């Protein structure tokens, strides 16, 4: 379980691909002392397991299915990645409850700078739009954000980003057409299933 508060902006230092998986090496000098073998680390919102640690970097295995279903398919050596360690229950819970299980991939439409914030527009898959509500929570590339608006006609999600978010995450590096991982609020999915099952 994660909170969507990014702890470090790491970087990809190596990618080794095979037919069934890929091995990512991720430099995380600020967090590496807190990472142990087997720990869960959210990388751009995808829950991965640390399989090796060397110096200031850790490695993680990524299955082909994960690559095909998330924006990790578009990263390359040198890509900045949002990193978060698993939440601890003995500290304040910022953000919102995030599982690290990506529900779908959106496409960046635009990032429009402003004086005190930037407008970020993302086209989301139509099947995810129903889980998104104005002023609700959304997780984009592992970042807990508040929904500014969801347009039900175009399935375009708008969020507003403060300079702190742009500085501490990889969102400022994304360009129109880039993919972005989306995890919707888990409570909406639970409610949907309860209503669908009813008393069956």
C-alpha atoms as a PDB file:
ATOM      1  CA  UNK A   1       0.000   0.000   0.000  1.00  0.00           C
ATOM      2  CA  UNK A   2       1.218   3.480  -0.905  1.00  0.00           C
ATOM      3  CA  UNK A   3       0.010   7.054  -0.430  1.00  0.00           C
ATOM      4  CA  UNK A   4       0.881   8.682  -3.751  1.00  0.00           C
ATOM      5  CA  UNK A   5       3.378  11.087  -2.167  1.00  0.00           C
ATOM      6  CA  UNK A   6       6.580  10.861  -4.172  1.00  0.00           C
ATOM      7  CA  UNK A   7       9.662  10.394  -2.003  1.00  0.00           C
ATOM      8  CA  UNK A   8      12.309  10.730  -4.694  1.00  0.00           C
ATOM      9  CA  UNK A   9      12.728  11.387  -8.385  1.00  0.00           C
ATOM     10  CA  UNK A  10      14.980   8.510  -9.422  1.00  0.00           C
ATOM     11  CA  UNK A  11      16.381   7.600 -12.824  1.00  0.00           C
ATOM     12  CA  UNK A  12      16.686   4.510 -14.981  1.00  0.00           C
ATOM     13  CA  UNK A  13      20.335   3.524 -15.380  1.00  0.00           C
ATOM     14  CA  UNK A  14      19.933   0.220 -17.224  1.00  0.00           C
ATOM     15  CA  UNK A  15      17.267  -1.899 -18.912  1.00  0.00           C
ATOM     16  CA  UNK A  16      17.823  -5.534 -19.804  1.00  0.00           C
ATOM     17  CA  UNK A  17      14.993  -7.086 -21.810  1.00  0.00           C
ATOM     18  CA  UNK A  18      14.164 -10.715 -22.539  1.00  0.00           C
ATOM     19  CA  UNK A  19      11.162 -12.384 -24.169  1.00  0.00           C
ATOM     20  CA  UNK A  20       9.194 -12.686 -20.939  1.00  0.00           C
ATOM     21  CA  UNK A  21      10.480  -9.894 -18.730  1.00  0.00           C
ATOM     22  CA  UNK A  22      12.751  -6.927 -18.299  1.00  0.00           C
ATOM     23  CA  UNK A  23      15.149  -5.958 -15.542  1.00  0.00           C
ATOM     24  CA  UNK A  24      15.245  -2.288 -14.630  1.00  0.00           C
ATOM     25  CA  UNK A  25      18.112  -0.766 -12.684  1.00  0.00           C
ATOM     26  CA  UNK A  26      16.963   2.365 -10.889  1.00  0.00           C
ATOM     27  CA  UNK A  27      19.211   4.922  -9.223  1.00  0.00           C
ATOM     28  CA  UNK A  28      17.681   6.109  -5.948  1.00  0.00           C
ATOM     29  CA  UNK A  29      20.411   7.703  -3.831  1.00  0.00           C
ATOM     30  CA  UNK A  30      17.971   9.317  -1.409  1.00  0.00           C
ATOM     31  CA  UNK A  31      15.961   6.182  -0.672  1.00  0.00           C
ATOM     32  CA  UNK A  32      18.473   3.392  -1.140  1.00  0.00           C
ATOM     33  CA  UNK A  33      19.338   3.157   2.576  1.00  0.00           C
ATOM     34  CA  UNK A  34      15.670   2.380   3.291  1.00  0.00           C
ATOM     35  CA  UNK A  35      15.292  -0.299   0.602  1.00  0.00           C
ATOM     36  CA  UNK A  36      15.885  -3.965   1.396  1.00  0.00           C
ATOM     37  CA  UNK A  37      15.674  -7.008  -0.839  1.00  0.00           C
ATOM     38  CA  UNK A  38      12.056  -7.956  -1.371  1.00  0.00           C
ATOM     39  CA  UNK A  39      10.705  -4.505  -0.547  1.00  0.00           C
ATOM     40  CA  UNK A  40       7.894  -3.041  -2.600  1.00  0.00           C
ATOM     41  CA  UNK A  41       8.718   0.185  -4.419  1.00  0.00           C
ATOM     42  CA  UNK A  42       6.228   2.120  -6.519  1.00  0.00           C
ATOM     43  CA  UNK A  43       7.914   3.138  -9.775  1.00  0.00           C
ATOM     44  CA  UNK A  44       5.723   5.585 -11.700  1.00  0.00           C
ATOM     45  CA  UNK A  45       2.840   4.112  -9.733  1.00  0.00           C
ATOM     46  CA  UNK A  46       3.643   0.469 -10.534  1.00  0.00           C
ATOM     47  CA  UNK A  47       4.378  -1.724  -7.519  1.00  0.00           C
ATOM     48  CA  UNK A  48       7.705  -3.491  -8.165  1.00  0.00           C
ATOM     49  CA  UNK A  49       9.910  -5.652  -5.943  1.00  0.00           C
ATOM     50  CA  UNK A  50      13.553  -4.848  -5.242  1.00  0.00           C
ATOM     51  CA  UNK A  51      15.525  -7.912  -6.357  1.00  0.00           C
ATOM     52  CA  UNK A  52      19.075  -6.594  -5.953  1.00  0.00           C
ATOM     53  CA  UNK A  53      20.817  -3.598  -4.435  1.00  0.00           C
ATOM     54  CA  UNK A  54      24.186  -2.210  -5.440  1.00  0.00           C
ATOM     55  CA  UNK A  55      25.549   1.189  -4.468  1.00  0.00           C
ATOM     56  CA  UNK A  56      22.790   3.748  -4.818  1.00  0.00           C
ATOM     57  CA  UNK A  57      20.691   1.643  -7.192  1.00  0.00           C
ATOM     58  CA  UNK A  58      18.259  -1.257  -6.986  1.00  0.00           C
ATOM     59  CA  UNK A  59      16.961  -3.616  -9.644  1.00  0.00           C
ATOM     60  CA  UNK A  60      13.426  -4.822 -10.252  1.00  0.00           C
ATOM     61  CA  UNK A  61      11.984  -7.456 -12.564  1.00  0.00           C
ATOM     62  CA  UNK A  62       9.117  -6.318 -14.771  1.00  0.00           C
ATOM     63  CA  UNK A  63       6.946  -8.879 -16.543  1.00  0.00           C
ATOM     64  CA  UNK A  64       6.071  -8.401 -20.216  1.00  0.00           C
ATOM     65  CA  UNK A  65       2.391  -8.082 -19.267  1.00  0.00           C
ATOM     66  CA  UNK A  66       3.226  -5.204 -16.920  1.00  0.00           C
ATOM     67  CA  UNK A  67       5.154  -3.478 -19.691  1.00  0.00           C
ATOM     68  CA  UNK A  68       2.253  -3.881 -22.109  1.00  0.00           C
ATOM     69  CA  UNK A  69      -0.342  -2.569 -19.644  1.00  0.00           C
ATOM     70  CA  UNK A  70       1.538   0.408 -18.183  1.00  0.00           C
ATOM     71  CA  UNK A  71       3.585   3.402 -19.258  1.00  0.00           C
ATOM     72  CA  UNK A  72       6.776   1.579 -18.216  1.00  0.00           C
ATOM     73  CA  UNK A  73       6.874   0.420 -21.842  1.00  0.00           C
ATOM     74  CA  UNK A  74       7.983   3.907 -22.933  1.00  0.00           C
ATOM     75  CA  UNK A  75      10.790   4.557 -20.457  1.00  0.00           C
ATOM     76  CA  UNK A  76      14.423   4.351 -21.461  1.00  0.00           C
ATOM     77  CA  UNK A  77      17.854   4.685 -19.874  1.00  0.00           C
ATOM     78  CA  UNK A  78      17.964   8.168 -18.385  1.00  0.00           C
ATOM     79  CA  UNK A  79      14.202   8.449 -17.852  1.00  0.00           C
ATOM     80  CA  UNK A  80      13.214  10.114 -14.576  1.00  0.00           C
ATOM     81  CA  UNK A  81      10.847   7.955 -12.506  1.00  0.00           C
ATOM     82  CA  UNK A  82       8.663   8.732  -9.504  1.00  0.00           C
ATOM     83  CA  UNK A  83       9.563   6.578  -6.496  1.00  0.00           C
ATOM     84  CA  UNK A  84       7.692   5.819  -3.289  1.00  0.00           C
ATOM     85  CA  UNK A  85       8.291   3.192  -0.619  1.00  0.00           C
ATOM     86  CA  UNK A  86       5.429   1.268   0.950  1.00  0.00           C
ATOM     87  CA  UNK A  87       3.410   3.264   3.499  1.00  0.00           C
ATOM     88  CA  UNK A  88       4.011   2.831   7.211  1.00  0.00           C
ATOM     89  CA  UNK A  89       0.997   2.827   9.500  1.00  0.00           C
ATOM     90  CA  UNK A  90       2.790   4.675  12.296  1.00  0.00           C
ATOM     91  CA  UNK A  91       3.080   7.933  10.345  1.00  0.00           C
ATOM     92  CA  UNK A  92       0.631  10.481   8.962  1.00  0.00           C
ATOM     93  CA  UNK A  93      -1.131   9.298   5.839  1.00  0.00           C
ATOM     94  CA  UNK A  94      -0.874  11.997   3.200  1.00  0.00           C
ATOM     95  CA  UNK A  95      -2.258  11.617  -0.283  1.00  0.00           C
ATOM     96  CA  UNK A  96      -4.763   8.745  -0.495  1.00  0.00           C
ATOM     97  CA  UNK A  97      -4.762   4.947  -0.439  1.00  0.00           C
ATOM     98  CA  UNK A  98      -2.857   3.696  -3.485  1.00  0.00           C
ATOM     99  CA  UNK A  99      -2.198   0.044  -4.293  1.00  0.00           C
ATOM    100  CA  UNK A 100       0.368   0.350  -7.051  1.00  0.00           C
ATOM    101  CA  UNK A 101      -1.942  -1.641  -9.343  1.00  0.00           C
ATOM    102  CA  UNK A 102      -2.408   0.352 -12.531  1.00  0.00           C
ATOM    103  CA  UNK A 103      -5.986   0.351 -13.852  1.00  0.00           C
ATOM    104  CA  UNK A 104      -5.172   1.768 -17.260  1.00  0.00           C
ATOM    105  CA  UNK A 105      -2.980   4.053 -19.296  1.00  0.00           C
ATOM    106  CA  UNK A 106      -3.918   7.576 -20.286  1.00  0.00           C
ATOM    107  CA  UNK A 107      -2.435   9.885 -22.896  1.00  0.00           C
ATOM    108  CA  UNK A 108      -1.070  13.330 -22.128  1.00  0.00           C
ATOM    109  CA  UNK A 109      -2.989  15.999 -24.004  1.00  0.00           C
ATOM    110  CA  UNK A 110      -1.300  19.135 -22.705  1.00  0.00           C
ATOM    111  CA  UNK A 111       0.583  20.777 -19.868  1.00  0.00           C
ATOM    112  CA  UNK A 112      -0.202  24.487 -19.765  1.00  0.00           C
ATOM    113  CA  UNK A 113       1.969  26.610 -17.437  1.00  0.00           C
ATOM    114  CA  UNK A 114       0.437  29.301 -15.236  1.00  0.00           C
ATOM    115  CA  UNK A 115       1.690  31.847 -12.722  1.00  0.00           C
ATOM    116  CA  UNK A 116       1.126  29.666  -9.653  1.00  0.00           C
ATOM    117  CA  UNK A 117       0.032  26.342 -11.129  1.00  0.00           C
ATOM    118  CA  UNK A 118      -0.077  24.385 -14.363  1.00  0.00           C
ATOM    119  CA  UNK A 119      -3.086  22.832 -16.049  1.00  0.00           C
ATOM    120  CA  UNK A 120      -2.538  19.162 -16.920  1.00  0.00           C
ATOM    121  CA  UNK A 121      -4.992  17.489 -19.307  1.00  0.00           C
ATOM    122  CA  UNK A 122      -5.032  13.726 -19.858  1.00  0.00           C
ATOM    123  CA  UNK A 123      -7.239  11.586 -22.067  1.00  0.00           C
ATOM    124  CA  UNK A 124      -8.341   8.604 -19.986  1.00  0.00           C
ATOM    125  CA  UNK A 125      -9.801   5.290 -21.177  1.00  0.00           C
ATOM    126  CA  UNK A 126     -13.587   5.532 -21.363  1.00  0.00           C
ATOM    127  CA  UNK A 127     -14.035   2.548 -19.055  1.00  0.00           C
ATOM    128  CA  UNK A 128     -12.158   4.362 -16.272  1.00  0.00           C
ATOM    129  CA  UNK A 129     -13.993   7.671 -16.584  1.00  0.00           C
ATOM    130  CA  UNK A 130     -16.918   6.451 -14.459  1.00  0.00           C
ATOM    131  CA  UNK A 131     -14.611   6.004 -11.443  1.00  0.00           C
ATOM    132  CA  UNK A 132     -13.382   9.602 -11.565  1.00  0.00           C
ATOM    133  CA  UNK A 133     -15.257  12.427  -9.840  1.00  0.00           C
ATOM    134  CA  UNK A 134     -14.596  16.145  -9.521  1.00  0.00           C
ATOM    135  CA  UNK A 135     -12.530  16.903  -6.411  1.00  0.00           C
ATOM    136  CA  UNK A 136     -11.941  13.184  -5.936  1.00  0.00           C
ATOM    137  CA  UNK A 137      -8.575  11.445  -5.728  1.00  0.00           C
ATOM    138  CA  UNK A 138      -6.621  10.082  -8.698  1.00  0.00           C
ATOM    139  CA  UNK A 139      -3.152   8.563  -8.960  1.00  0.00           C
ATOM    140  CA  UNK A 140      -1.134   9.550 -12.036  1.00  0.00           C
ATOM    141  CA  UNK A 141       2.285   7.907 -12.494  1.00  0.00           C
ATOM    142  CA  UNK A 142       2.218   7.195  -8.767  1.00  0.00           C
ATOM    143  CA  UNK A 143       1.304  10.745  -7.733  1.00  0.00           C
ATOM    144  CA  UNK A 144      -1.755  11.388  -5.581  1.00  0.00           C
ATOM    145  CA  UNK A 145      -3.653  14.293  -7.128  1.00  0.00           C
ATOM    146  CA  UNK A 146      -7.047  15.926  -6.796  1.00  0.00           C
ATOM    147  CA  UNK A 147      -9.327  15.812  -9.817  1.00  0.00           C
ATOM    148  CA  UNK A 148     -10.067  19.308 -11.072  1.00  0.00           C
ATOM    149  CA  UNK A 149     -12.546  18.189 -13.704  1.00  0.00           C
ATOM    150  CA  UNK A 150     -13.547  15.118 -15.674  1.00  0.00           C
ATOM    151  CA  UNK A 151     -15.260  15.768 -18.999  1.00  0.00           C
ATOM    152  CA  UNK A 152     -17.687  12.912 -19.587  1.00  0.00           C
ATOM    153  CA  UNK A 153     -18.094  13.762 -23.274  1.00  0.00           C
ATOM    154  CA  UNK A 154     -14.387  13.717 -24.143  1.00  0.00           C
ATOM    155  CA  UNK A 155     -13.042  11.592 -21.240  1.00  0.00           C
ATOM    156  CA  UNK A 156     -10.440  14.265 -20.598  1.00  0.00           C
ATOM    157  CA  UNK A 157      -9.210  14.587 -17.018  1.00  0.00           C
ATOM    158  CA  UNK A 158      -7.904  17.938 -15.802  1.00  0.00           C
ATOM    159  CA  UNK A 159      -5.707  18.353 -12.743  1.00  0.00           C
ATOM    160  CA  UNK A 160      -3.896  21.423 -11.470  1.00  0.00           C
ATOM    161  CA  UNK A 161      -0.235  21.106 -10.538  1.00  0.00           C
ATOM    162  CA  UNK A 162       1.592  23.352  -8.104  1.00  0.00           C
ATOM    163  CA  UNK A 163       5.291  24.150  -8.724  1.00  0.00           C
ATOM    164  CA  UNK A 164       6.306  21.754  -5.913  1.00  0.00           C
ATOM    165  CA  UNK A 165       4.700  18.827  -7.745  1.00  0.00           C
ATOM    166  CA  UNK A 166       6.343  19.760 -11.037  1.00  0.00           C
ATOM    167  CA  UNK A 167       9.743  20.101  -9.357  1.00  0.00           C
ATOM    168  CA  UNK A 168       9.640  16.843  -7.366  1.00  0.00           C
ATOM    169  CA  UNK A 169       8.108  14.540  -9.999  1.00  0.00           C
ATOM    170  CA  UNK A 170       8.536  13.605 -13.643  1.00  0.00           C
ATOM    171  CA  UNK A 171       5.305  15.252 -14.821  1.00  0.00           C
ATOM    172  CA  UNK A 172       7.132  18.308 -16.151  1.00  0.00           C
ATOM    173  CA  UNK A 173       9.074  16.052 -18.561  1.00  0.00           C
ATOM    174  CA  UNK A 174       5.969  14.560 -20.198  1.00  0.00           C
ATOM    175  CA  UNK A 175       4.960  15.688 -23.660  1.00  0.00           C
ATOM    176  CA  UNK A 176       1.658  15.496 -25.568  1.00  0.00           C
ATOM    177  CA  UNK A 177       1.175  11.919 -26.704  1.00  0.00           C
ATOM    178  CA  UNK A 178       3.158  10.401 -23.831  1.00  0.00           C
ATOM    179  CA  UNK A 179       1.545   7.638 -21.811  1.00  0.00           C
ATOM    180  CA  UNK A 180       0.755   7.965 -18.117  1.00  0.00           C
ATOM    181  CA  UNK A 181      -0.286   5.336 -15.585  1.00  0.00           C
ATOM    182  CA  UNK A 182      -3.707   5.754 -13.992  1.00  0.00           C
ATOM    183  CA  UNK A 183      -4.940   4.173 -10.774  1.00  0.00           C
ATOM    184  CA  UNK A 184      -8.455   5.181  -9.825  1.00  0.00           C
ATOM    185  CA  UNK A 185      -9.770   5.384  -6.272  1.00  0.00           C
ATOM    186  CA  UNK A 186     -10.149   1.812  -5.003  1.00  0.00           C
ATOM    187  CA  UNK A 187     -13.290   2.645  -3.032  1.00  0.00           C
ATOM    188  CA  UNK A 188     -15.195   3.385  -6.240  1.00  0.00           C
ATOM    189  CA  UNK A 189     -14.386  -0.098  -7.535  1.00  0.00           C
ATOM    190  CA  UNK A 190     -15.509  -1.741  -4.296  1.00  0.00           C
ATOM    191  CA  UNK A 191     -18.810   0.146  -4.355  1.00  0.00           C
ATOM    192  CA  UNK A 192     -19.395  -0.852  -7.972  1.00  0.00           C
ATOM    193  CA  UNK A 193     -18.841  -4.530  -7.210  1.00  0.00           C
ATOM    194  CA  UNK A 194     -21.079  -4.454  -4.140  1.00  0.00           C
ATOM    195  CA  UNK A 195     -23.892  -2.871  -6.127  1.00  0.00           C
ATOM    196  CA  UNK A 196     -23.404  -5.304  -9.014  1.00  0.00           C
ATOM    197  CA  UNK A 197     -23.437  -8.387  -6.777  1.00  0.00           C
ATOM    198  CA  UNK A 198     -26.264  -7.178  -4.569  1.00  0.00           C
ATOM    199  CA  UNK A 199     -27.695 -10.057  -2.537  1.00  0.00           C
ATOM    200  CA  UNK A 200     -26.542 -12.721  -4.987  1.00  0.00           C
END
